[in-house]
ModelCIF file with pLDDT and N, C-alpha, C, O atoms, coordinates in Angstrom:
data_MODEL
#
_entry.id   MODEL 
#
_entity.id                         1 
_entity.type                       polymer 
_entity.pdbx_number_of_molecules   1 
#
_entity_poly.entity_id                      1 
_entity_poly.type                           'polypeptide(L)' 
_entity_poly.nstd_linkage                   no 
_entity_poly.nstd_monomer                   no 
_entity_poly.pdbx_seq_one_letter_code       YAMGWFRQAPGREREFVAAISGSGTSTYYADSVKGRFTISRD 
_entity_poly.pdbx_seq_one_letter_code_can   YAMGWFRQAPGREREFVAAISGSGTSTYYADSVKGRFTISRD 
_entity_poly.pdbx_strand_id                 A 
#
loop_
_entity_poly_seq.entity_id 
_entity_poly_seq.num 
_entity_poly_seq.mon_id 
_entity_poly_seq.hetero 
1 1  TYR n 
1 2  ALA n 
1 3  MET n 
1 4  GLY n 
1 5  TRP n 
1 6  PHE n 
1 7  ARG n 
1 8  GLN n 
1 9  ALA n 
1 10 PRO n 
1 11 GLY n 
1 12 ARG n 
1 13 GLU n 
1 14 ARG n 
1 15 GLU n 
1 16 PHE n 
1 17 VAL n 
1 18 ALA n 
1 19 ALA n 
1 20 ILE n 
1 21 SER n 
1 22 GLY n 
1 23 SER n 
1 24 GLY n 
1 25 THR n 
1 26 SER n 
1 27 THR n 
1 28 TYR n 
1 29 TYR n 
1 30 ALA n 
1 31 ASP n 
1 32 SER n 
1 33 VAL n 
1 34 LYS n 
1 35 GLY n 
1 36 ARG n 
1 37 PHE n 
1 38 THR n 
1 39 ILE n 
1 40 SER n 
1 41 ARG n 
1 42 ASP n 
#
_struct_asym.id          A 
_struct_asym.entity_id   1 
#
loop_
_ma_qa_metric.id 
_ma_qa_metric.mode 
_ma_qa_metric.name 
_ma_qa_metric.software_group_id 
_ma_qa_metric.type 
1 global pLDDT . pLDDT 
2 local  pLDDT . pLDDT 
#
_ma_qa_metric_global.metric_id      1 
_ma_qa_metric_global.metric_value   97.17 
_ma_qa_metric_global.model_id       1 
_ma_qa_metric_global.ordinal_id     1 
#
loop_
_ma_qa_metric_local.label_asym_id 
_ma_qa_metric_local.label_comp_id 
_ma_qa_metric_local.label_seq_id 
_ma_qa_metric_local.metric_id 
_ma_qa_metric_local.metric_value 
_ma_qa_metric_local.model_id 
_ma_qa_metric_local.ordinal_id 
A TYR 1  2 96.00 1 1  
A ALA 2  2 98.00 1 2  
A MET 3  2 98.00 1 3  
A GLY 4  2 98.00 1 4  
A TRP 5  2 98.00 1 5  
A PHE 6  2 98.00 1 6  
A ARG 7  2 98.00 1 7  
A GLN 8  2 98.00 1 8  
A ALA 9  2 97.00 1 9  
A PRO 10 2 92.00 1 10 
A GLY 11 2 94.00 1 11 
A ARG 12 2 96.00 1 12 
A GLU 13 2 96.00 1 13 
A ARG 14 2 96.00 1 14 
A GLU 15 2 97.00 1 15 
A PHE 16 2 98.00 1 16 
A VAL 17 2 98.00 1 17 
A ALA 18 2 98.00 1 18 
A ALA 19 2 98.00 1 19 
A ILE 20 2 98.00 1 20 
A SER 21 2 97.00 1 21 
A GLY 22 2 96.00 1 22 
A SER 23 2 94.00 1 23 
A GLY 24 2 95.00 1 24 
A THR 25 2 95.00 1 25 
A SER 26 2 97.00 1 26 
A THR 27 2 98.00 1 27 
A TYR 28 2 98.00 1 28 
A TYR 29 2 98.00 1 29 
A ALA 30 2 98.00 1 30 
A ASP 31 2 98.00 1 31 
A SER 32 2 97.00 1 32 
A VAL 33 2 98.00 1 33 
A LYS 34 2 98.00 1 34 
A GLY 35 2 98.00 1 35 
A ARG 36 2 98.00 1 36 
A PHE 37 2 98.00 1 37 
A THR 38 2 98.00 1 38 
A ILE 39 2 98.00 1 39 
A SER 40 2 98.00 1 40 
A ARG 41 2 98.00 1 41 
A ASP 42 2 98.00 1 42 
#
loop_
_atom_site.group_PDB 
_atom_site.id 
_atom_site.type_symbol 
_atom_site.label_atom_id 
_atom_site.label_alt_id 
_atom_site.label_comp_id 
_atom_site.label_asym_id 
_atom_site.label_entity_id 
_atom_site.label_seq_id 
_atom_site.pdbx_PDB_ins_code 
_atom_site.Cartn_x 
_atom_site.Cartn_y 
_atom_site.Cartn_z 
_atom_site.occupancy 
_atom_site.B_iso_or_equiv 
_atom_site.pdbx_formal_charge 
_atom_site.auth_seq_id 
_atom_site.auth_comp_id 
_atom_site.auth_asym_id 
_atom_site.auth_atom_id 
_atom_site.pdbx_PDB_model_num 
ATOM 1   N N  . TYR A 1 1  ? 14.417 -38.125 -22.744 1.00 96.00 ? 1  TYR A N  1 
ATOM 2   C CA . TYR A 1 1  ? 15.916 -37.495 -22.294 1.00 96.00 ? 1  TYR A CA 1 
ATOM 3   C C  . TYR A 1 1  ? 15.793 -36.176 -22.488 1.00 96.00 ? 1  TYR A C  1 
ATOM 4   O O  . TYR A 1 1  ? 15.092 -35.773 -23.416 1.00 96.00 ? 1  TYR A O  1 
ATOM 5   N N  . ALA A 1 2  ? 16.448 -35.305 -21.653 1.00 98.00 ? 2  ALA A N  1 
ATOM 6   C CA . ALA A 1 2  ? 16.958 -33.980 -21.701 1.00 98.00 ? 2  ALA A CA 1 
ATOM 7   C C  . ALA A 1 2  ? 18.096 -34.119 -22.829 1.00 98.00 ? 2  ALA A C  1 
ATOM 8   O O  . ALA A 1 2  ? 18.788 -35.134 -22.908 1.00 98.00 ? 2  ALA A O  1 
ATOM 9   N N  . MET A 1 3  ? 18.252 -32.901 -23.791 1.00 98.00 ? 3  MET A N  1 
ATOM 10  C CA . MET A 1 3  ? 19.161 -32.690 -24.283 1.00 98.00 ? 3  MET A CA 1 
ATOM 11  C C  . MET A 1 3  ? 20.064 -31.425 -24.140 1.00 98.00 ? 3  MET A C  1 
ATOM 12  O O  . MET A 1 3  ? 19.725 -30.437 -23.488 1.00 98.00 ? 3  MET A O  1 
ATOM 13  N N  . GLY A 1 4  ? 21.575 -31.585 -24.999 1.00 98.00 ? 4  GLY A N  1 
ATOM 14  C CA . GLY A 1 4  ? 22.114 -30.383 -24.450 1.00 98.00 ? 4  GLY A CA 1 
ATOM 15  C C  . GLY A 1 4  ? 23.290 -30.236 -25.886 1.00 98.00 ? 4  GLY A C  1 
ATOM 16  O O  . GLY A 1 4  ? 23.808 -31.124 -26.562 1.00 98.00 ? 4  GLY A O  1 
ATOM 17  N N  . TRP A 1 5  ? 23.407 -28.795 -25.964 1.00 98.00 ? 5  TRP A N  1 
ATOM 18  C CA . TRP A 1 5  ? 24.661 -28.334 -26.822 1.00 98.00 ? 5  TRP A CA 1 
ATOM 19  C C  . TRP A 1 5  ? 25.662 -27.815 -26.094 1.00 98.00 ? 5  TRP A C  1 
ATOM 20  O O  . TRP A 1 5  ? 25.246 -27.088 -25.192 1.00 98.00 ? 5  TRP A O  1 
ATOM 21  N N  . PHE A 1 6  ? 26.899 -27.929 -26.157 1.00 98.00 ? 6  PHE A N  1 
ATOM 22  C CA . PHE A 1 6  ? 28.256 -27.288 -25.824 1.00 98.00 ? 6  PHE A CA 1 
ATOM 23  C C  . PHE A 1 6  ? 28.729 -27.076 -26.828 1.00 98.00 ? 6  PHE A C  1 
ATOM 24  O O  . PHE A 1 6  ? 28.206 -27.355 -27.907 1.00 98.00 ? 6  PHE A O  1 
ATOM 25  N N  . ARG A 1 7  ? 29.875 -26.508 -26.665 1.00 98.00 ? 7  ARG A N  1 
ATOM 26  C CA . ARG A 1 7  ? 30.826 -25.746 -27.672 1.00 98.00 ? 7  ARG A CA 1 
ATOM 27  C C  . ARG A 1 7  ? 32.427 -25.860 -27.063 1.00 98.00 ? 7  ARG A C  1 
ATOM 28  O O  . ARG A 1 7  ? 32.653 -25.732 -25.860 1.00 98.00 ? 7  ARG A O  1 
ATOM 29  N N  . GLN A 1 8  ? 33.507 -26.121 -28.078 1.00 98.00 ? 8  GLN A N  1 
ATOM 30  C CA . GLN A 1 8  ? 34.551 -25.890 -27.493 1.00 98.00 ? 8  GLN A CA 1 
ATOM 31  C C  . GLN A 1 8  ? 35.798 -25.359 -28.505 1.00 98.00 ? 8  GLN A C  1 
ATOM 32  O O  . GLN A 1 8  ? 36.235 -25.977 -29.476 1.00 98.00 ? 8  GLN A O  1 
ATOM 33  N N  . ALA A 1 9  ? 36.188 -24.218 -28.077 1.00 97.00 ? 9  ALA A N  1 
ATOM 34  C CA . ALA A 1 9  ? 36.938 -23.312 -29.213 1.00 97.00 ? 9  ALA A CA 1 
ATOM 35  C C  . ALA A 1 9  ? 38.170 -23.618 -29.133 1.00 97.00 ? 9  ALA A C  1 
ATOM 36  O O  . ALA A 1 9  ? 38.323 -23.930 -27.952 1.00 97.00 ? 9  ALA A O  1 
ATOM 37  N N  . PRO A 1 10 ? 39.138 -23.720 -29.659 1.00 92.00 ? 10 PRO A N  1 
ATOM 38  C CA . PRO A 1 10 ? 40.558 -24.003 -29.717 1.00 92.00 ? 10 PRO A CA 1 
ATOM 39  C C  . PRO A 1 10 ? 41.643 -23.421 -28.543 1.00 92.00 ? 10 PRO A C  1 
ATOM 40  O O  . PRO A 1 10 ? 42.222 -22.337 -28.608 1.00 92.00 ? 10 PRO A O  1 
ATOM 41  N N  . GLY A 1 11 ? 41.741 -24.226 -27.669 1.00 94.00 ? 11 GLY A N  1 
ATOM 42  C CA . GLY A 1 11 ? 42.637 -23.387 -26.246 1.00 94.00 ? 11 GLY A CA 1 
ATOM 43  C C  . GLY A 1 11 ? 41.577 -23.050 -25.250 1.00 94.00 ? 11 GLY A C  1 
ATOM 44  O O  . GLY A 1 11 ? 41.966 -22.516 -24.212 1.00 94.00 ? 11 GLY A O  1 
ATOM 45  N N  . ARG A 1 12 ? 40.215 -23.291 -25.406 1.00 96.00 ? 12 ARG A N  1 
ATOM 46  C CA . ARG A 1 12 ? 39.300 -23.038 -24.400 1.00 96.00 ? 12 ARG A CA 1 
ATOM 47  C C  . ARG A 1 12 ? 38.461 -24.422 -23.709 1.00 96.00 ? 12 ARG A C  1 
ATOM 48  O O  . ARG A 1 12 ? 38.281 -25.537 -24.200 1.00 96.00 ? 12 ARG A O  1 
ATOM 49  N N  . GLU A 1 13 ? 38.165 -24.030 -22.775 1.00 96.00 ? 13 GLU A N  1 
ATOM 50  C CA . GLU A 1 13 ? 37.686 -25.121 -21.943 1.00 96.00 ? 13 GLU A CA 1 
ATOM 51  C C  . GLU A 1 13 ? 35.861 -25.505 -22.944 1.00 96.00 ? 13 GLU A C  1 
ATOM 52  O O  . GLU A 1 13 ? 35.309 -24.659 -23.648 1.00 96.00 ? 13 GLU A O  1 
ATOM 53  N N  . ARG A 1 14 ? 35.446 -26.585 -22.758 1.00 96.00 ? 14 ARG A N  1 
ATOM 54  C CA . ARG A 1 14 ? 34.218 -26.710 -23.419 1.00 96.00 ? 14 ARG A CA 1 
ATOM 55  C C  . ARG A 1 14 ? 32.876 -26.032 -22.515 1.00 96.00 ? 14 ARG A C  1 
ATOM 56  O O  . ARG A 1 14 ? 32.775 -26.256 -21.309 1.00 96.00 ? 14 ARG A O  1 
ATOM 57  N N  . GLU A 1 15 ? 32.080 -25.357 -23.110 1.00 97.00 ? 15 GLU A N  1 
ATOM 58  C CA . GLU A 1 15 ? 31.412 -24.484 -22.637 1.00 97.00 ? 15 GLU A CA 1 
ATOM 59  C C  . GLU A 1 15 ? 29.946 -24.538 -22.857 1.00 97.00 ? 15 GLU A C  1 
ATOM 60  O O  . GLU A 1 15 ? 29.674 -24.431 -24.053 1.00 97.00 ? 15 GLU A O  1 
ATOM 61  N N  . PHE A 1 16 ? 28.704 -24.698 -21.918 1.00 98.00 ? 16 PHE A N  1 
ATOM 62  C CA . PHE A 1 16 ? 27.551 -24.892 -22.386 1.00 98.00 ? 16 PHE A CA 1 
ATOM 63  C C  . PHE A 1 16 ? 26.901 -23.601 -23.190 1.00 98.00 ? 16 PHE A C  1 
ATOM 64  O O  . PHE A 1 16 ? 27.252 -22.457 -22.902 1.00 98.00 ? 16 PHE A O  1 
ATOM 65  N N  . VAL A 1 17 ? 25.863 -23.891 -24.285 1.00 98.00 ? 17 VAL A N  1 
ATOM 66  C CA . VAL A 1 17 ? 25.553 -23.609 -25.358 1.00 98.00 ? 17 VAL A CA 1 
ATOM 67  C C  . VAL A 1 17 ? 24.100 -23.318 -24.630 1.00 98.00 ? 17 VAL A C  1 
ATOM 68  O O  . VAL A 1 17 ? 23.779 -22.271 -24.067 1.00 98.00 ? 17 VAL A O  1 
ATOM 69  N N  . ALA A 1 18 ? 23.182 -24.697 -24.811 1.00 98.00 ? 18 ALA A N  1 
ATOM 70  C CA . ALA A 1 18 ? 21.990 -24.669 -24.640 1.00 98.00 ? 18 ALA A CA 1 
ATOM 71  C C  . ALA A 1 18 ? 21.252 -26.111 -24.361 1.00 98.00 ? 18 ALA A C  1 
ATOM 72  O O  . ALA A 1 18 ? 21.634 -27.166 -24.867 1.00 98.00 ? 18 ALA A O  1 
ATOM 73  N N  . ALA A 1 19 ? 20.318 -26.003 -23.623 1.00 98.00 ? 19 ALA A N  1 
ATOM 74  C CA . ALA A 1 19 ? 19.696 -27.228 -23.546 1.00 98.00 ? 19 ALA A CA 1 
ATOM 75  C C  . ALA A 1 19 ? 18.051 -27.531 -23.161 1.00 98.00 ? 19 ALA A C  1 
ATOM 76  O O  . ALA A 1 19 ? 17.429 -26.708 -22.490 1.00 98.00 ? 19 ALA A O  1 
ATOM 77  N N  . ILE A 1 20 ? 17.554 -28.512 -23.543 1.00 98.00 ? 20 ILE A N  1 
ATOM 78  C CA . ILE A 1 20 ? 16.155 -28.481 -23.722 1.00 98.00 ? 20 ILE A CA 1 
ATOM 79  C C  . ILE A 1 20 ? 15.718 -30.032 -23.205 1.00 98.00 ? 20 ILE A C  1 
ATOM 80  O O  . ILE A 1 20 ? 16.323 -31.097 -23.319 1.00 98.00 ? 20 ILE A O  1 
ATOM 81  N N  . SER A 1 21 ? 14.382 -29.704 -22.576 1.00 97.00 ? 21 SER A N  1 
ATOM 82  C CA . SER A 1 21 ? 13.822 -30.988 -21.859 1.00 97.00 ? 21 SER A CA 1 
ATOM 83  C C  . SER A 1 21 ? 13.532 -32.024 -22.679 1.00 97.00 ? 21 SER A C  1 
ATOM 84  O O  . SER A 1 21 ? 13.476 -31.886 -23.901 1.00 97.00 ? 21 SER A O  1 
ATOM 85  N N  . GLY A 1 22 ? 13.329 -33.116 -22.084 1.00 96.00 ? 22 GLY A N  1 
ATOM 86  C CA . GLY A 1 22 ? 12.793 -34.339 -22.989 1.00 96.00 ? 22 GLY A CA 1 
ATOM 87  C C  . GLY A 1 22 ? 11.233 -34.232 -23.925 1.00 96.00 ? 22 GLY A C  1 
ATOM 88  O O  . GLY A 1 22 ? 11.016 -34.935 -24.912 1.00 96.00 ? 22 GLY A O  1 
ATOM 89  N N  . SER A 1 23 ? 10.399 -33.360 -23.454 1.00 94.00 ? 23 SER A N  1 
ATOM 90  C CA . SER A 1 23 ? 8.990  -32.953 -23.815 1.00 94.00 ? 23 SER A CA 1 
ATOM 91  C C  . SER A 1 23 ? 9.389  -31.915 -24.761 1.00 94.00 ? 23 SER A C  1 
ATOM 92  O O  . SER A 1 23 ? 8.796  -31.892 -25.839 1.00 94.00 ? 23 SER A O  1 
ATOM 93  N N  . GLY A 1 24 ? 10.541 -30.822 -24.468 1.00 95.00 ? 24 GLY A N  1 
ATOM 94  C CA . GLY A 1 24 ? 10.638 -29.819 -25.599 1.00 95.00 ? 24 GLY A CA 1 
ATOM 95  C C  . GLY A 1 24 ? 10.230 -28.553 -25.012 1.00 95.00 ? 24 GLY A C  1 
ATOM 96  O O  . GLY A 1 24 ? 10.541 -27.464 -25.496 1.00 95.00 ? 24 GLY A O  1 
ATOM 97  N N  . THR A 1 25 ? 9.376  -28.742 -23.738 1.00 95.00 ? 25 THR A N  1 
ATOM 98  C CA . THR A 1 25 ? 8.732  -27.760 -23.442 1.00 95.00 ? 25 THR A CA 1 
ATOM 99  C C  . THR A 1 25 ? 9.584  -26.331 -22.499 1.00 95.00 ? 25 THR A C  1 
ATOM 100 O O  . THR A 1 25 ? 9.145  -25.181 -22.478 1.00 95.00 ? 25 THR A O  1 
ATOM 101 N N  . SER A 1 26 ? 10.750 -26.767 -21.852 1.00 97.00 ? 26 SER A N  1 
ATOM 102 C CA . SER A 1 26 ? 11.671 -26.211 -21.288 1.00 97.00 ? 26 SER A CA 1 
ATOM 103 C C  . SER A 1 26 ? 12.610 -25.916 -21.908 1.00 97.00 ? 26 SER A C  1 
ATOM 104 O O  . SER A 1 26 ? 13.086 -26.963 -22.346 1.00 97.00 ? 26 SER A O  1 
ATOM 105 N N  . THR A 1 27 ? 13.285 -24.932 -22.276 1.00 98.00 ? 27 THR A N  1 
ATOM 106 C CA . THR A 1 27 ? 14.935 -24.597 -22.632 1.00 98.00 ? 27 THR A CA 1 
ATOM 107 C C  . THR A 1 27 ? 15.325 -23.525 -21.772 1.00 98.00 ? 27 THR A C  1 
ATOM 108 O O  . THR A 1 27 ? 14.644 -22.775 -21.073 1.00 98.00 ? 27 THR A O  1 
ATOM 109 N N  . TYR A 1 28 ? 17.006 -23.631 -22.033 1.00 98.00 ? 28 TYR A N  1 
ATOM 110 C CA . TYR A 1 28 ? 17.887 -22.759 -20.920 1.00 98.00 ? 28 TYR A CA 1 
ATOM 111 C C  . TYR A 1 28 ? 19.112 -22.364 -21.981 1.00 98.00 ? 28 TYR A C  1 
ATOM 112 O O  . TYR A 1 28 ? 19.477 -23.207 -22.800 1.00 98.00 ? 28 TYR A O  1 
ATOM 113 N N  . TYR A 1 29 ? 19.594 -21.333 -21.940 1.00 98.00 ? 29 TYR A N  1 
ATOM 114 C CA . TYR A 1 29 ? 20.473 -20.871 -23.070 1.00 98.00 ? 29 TYR A CA 1 
ATOM 115 C C  . TYR A 1 29 ? 21.712 -20.166 -22.063 1.00 98.00 ? 29 TYR A C  1 
ATOM 116 O O  . TYR A 1 29 ? 21.533 -19.828 -20.893 1.00 98.00 ? 29 TYR A O  1 
ATOM 117 N N  . ALA A 1 30 ? 22.926 -20.047 -22.785 1.00 98.00 ? 30 ALA A N  1 
ATOM 118 C CA . ALA A 1 30 ? 23.959 -19.232 -22.029 1.00 98.00 ? 30 ALA A CA 1 
ATOM 119 C C  . ALA A 1 30 ? 23.845 -18.179 -22.433 1.00 98.00 ? 30 ALA A C  1 
ATOM 120 O O  . ALA A 1 30 ? 23.589 -18.004 -23.624 1.00 98.00 ? 30 ALA A O  1 
ATOM 121 N N  . ASP A 1 31 ? 23.990 -17.204 -21.618 1.00 98.00 ? 31 ASP A N  1 
ATOM 122 C CA . ASP A 1 31 ? 24.008 -15.638 -21.656 1.00 98.00 ? 31 ASP A CA 1 
ATOM 123 C C  . ASP A 1 31 ? 24.349 -15.317 -23.020 1.00 98.00 ? 31 ASP A C  1 
ATOM 124 O O  . ASP A 1 31 ? 23.679 -14.658 -23.815 1.00 98.00 ? 31 ASP A O  1 
ATOM 125 N N  . SER A 1 32 ? 25.861 -16.050 -23.254 1.00 97.00 ? 32 SER A N  1 
ATOM 126 C CA . SER A 1 32 ? 26.768 -15.340 -24.750 1.00 97.00 ? 32 SER A CA 1 
ATOM 127 C C  . SER A 1 32 ? 25.537 -15.499 -25.907 1.00 97.00 ? 32 SER A C  1 
ATOM 128 O O  . SER A 1 32 ? 25.417 -14.605 -26.745 1.00 97.00 ? 32 SER A O  1 
ATOM 129 N N  . VAL A 1 33 ? 24.790 -16.462 -25.919 1.00 98.00 ? 33 VAL A N  1 
ATOM 130 C CA . VAL A 1 33 ? 23.723 -17.070 -27.330 1.00 98.00 ? 33 VAL A CA 1 
ATOM 131 C C  . VAL A 1 33 ? 22.401 -16.752 -27.096 1.00 98.00 ? 33 VAL A C  1 
ATOM 132 O O  . VAL A 1 33 ? 21.558 -16.860 -27.987 1.00 98.00 ? 33 VAL A O  1 
ATOM 133 N N  . LYS A 1 34 ? 22.145 -16.379 -26.012 1.00 98.00 ? 34 LYS A N  1 
ATOM 134 C CA . LYS A 1 34 ? 20.731 -15.961 -25.609 1.00 98.00 ? 34 LYS A CA 1 
ATOM 135 C C  . LYS A 1 34 ? 20.133 -15.023 -26.746 1.00 98.00 ? 34 LYS A C  1 
ATOM 136 O O  . LYS A 1 34 ? 20.822 -14.043 -27.027 1.00 98.00 ? 34 LYS A O  1 
ATOM 137 N N  . GLY A 1 35 ? 19.002 -15.189 -27.398 1.00 98.00 ? 35 GLY A N  1 
ATOM 138 C CA . GLY A 1 35 ? 18.501 -14.278 -28.321 1.00 98.00 ? 35 GLY A CA 1 
ATOM 139 C C  . GLY A 1 35 ? 18.781 -14.458 -29.447 1.00 98.00 ? 35 GLY A C  1 
ATOM 140 O O  . GLY A 1 35 ? 17.987 -14.057 -30.298 1.00 98.00 ? 35 GLY A O  1 
ATOM 141 N N  . ARG A 1 36 ? 20.014 -15.130 -29.857 1.00 98.00 ? 36 ARG A N  1 
ATOM 142 C CA . ARG A 1 36 ? 20.634 -15.507 -31.036 1.00 98.00 ? 36 ARG A CA 1 
ATOM 143 C C  . ARG A 1 36 ? 20.609 -17.222 -31.647 1.00 98.00 ? 36 ARG A C  1 
ATOM 144 O O  . ARG A 1 36 ? 20.790 -17.581 -32.810 1.00 98.00 ? 36 ARG A O  1 
ATOM 145 N N  . PHE A 1 37 ? 20.347 -18.018 -30.532 1.00 98.00 ? 37 PHE A N  1 
ATOM 146 C CA . PHE A 1 37 ? 20.481 -19.378 -30.935 1.00 98.00 ? 37 PHE A CA 1 
ATOM 147 C C  . PHE A 1 37 ? 19.093 -19.672 -30.271 1.00 98.00 ? 37 PHE A C  1 
ATOM 148 O O  . PHE A 1 37 ? 18.528 -19.015 -29.396 1.00 98.00 ? 37 PHE A O  1 
ATOM 149 N N  . THR A 1 38 ? 18.702 -20.756 -30.863 1.00 98.00 ? 38 THR A N  1 
ATOM 150 C CA . THR A 1 38 ? 17.461 -21.470 -30.754 1.00 98.00 ? 38 THR A CA 1 
ATOM 151 C C  . THR A 1 38 ? 17.711 -23.188 -30.621 1.00 98.00 ? 38 THR A C  1 
ATOM 152 O O  . THR A 1 38 ? 18.115 -23.875 -31.559 1.00 98.00 ? 38 THR A O  1 
ATOM 153 N N  . ILE A 1 39 ? 17.367 -23.736 -29.193 1.00 98.00 ? 39 ILE A N  1 
ATOM 154 C CA . ILE A 1 39 ? 17.275 -25.205 -29.343 1.00 98.00 ? 39 ILE A CA 1 
ATOM 155 C C  . ILE A 1 39 ? 16.015 -25.903 -29.687 1.00 98.00 ? 39 ILE A C  1 
ATOM 156 O O  . ILE A 1 39 ? 15.048 -25.269 -29.265 1.00 98.00 ? 39 ILE A O  1 
ATOM 157 N N  . SER A 1 40 ? 15.777 -26.711 -30.151 1.00 98.00 ? 40 SER A N  1 
ATOM 158 C CA . SER A 1 40 ? 14.806 -27.710 -30.563 1.00 98.00 ? 40 SER A CA 1 
ATOM 159 C C  . SER A 1 40 ? 14.758 -28.823 -30.562 1.00 98.00 ? 40 SER A C  1 
ATOM 160 O O  . SER A 1 40 ? 15.842 -29.389 -30.425 1.00 98.00 ? 40 SER A O  1 
ATOM 161 N N  . ARG A 1 41 ? 13.710 -29.554 -30.688 1.00 98.00 ? 41 ARG A N  1 
ATOM 162 C CA . ARG A 1 41 ? 13.712 -31.121 -30.828 1.00 98.00 ? 41 ARG A CA 1 
ATOM 163 C C  . ARG A 1 41 ? 12.501 -31.896 -31.700 1.00 98.00 ? 41 ARG A C  1 
ATOM 164 O O  . ARG A 1 41 ? 11.358 -31.443 -31.666 1.00 98.00 ? 41 ARG A O  1 
ATOM 165 N N  . ASP A 1 42 ? 12.778 -32.912 -32.363 1.00 98.00 ? 42 ASP A N  1 
ATOM 166 C CA . ASP A 1 42 ? 11.610 -33.550 -32.894 1.00 98.00 ? 42 ASP A CA 1 
ATOM 167 C C  . ASP A 1 42 ? 11.769 -35.069 -32.477 1.00 98.00 ? 42 ASP A C  1 
ATOM 168 O O  . ASP A 1 42 ? 10.907 -35.889 -32.794 1.00 98.00 ? 42 ASP A O  1 
#
């Protein structure tokens, strides 16, 4: 199964942060965190 991370700040809607495929070989990031956040899995 793929996995994802979302976040929700006070007064704001839940927003996408990052996602990773089940194999871990594919990842995708929101523009706001690209280059700063890294999603991974073991």
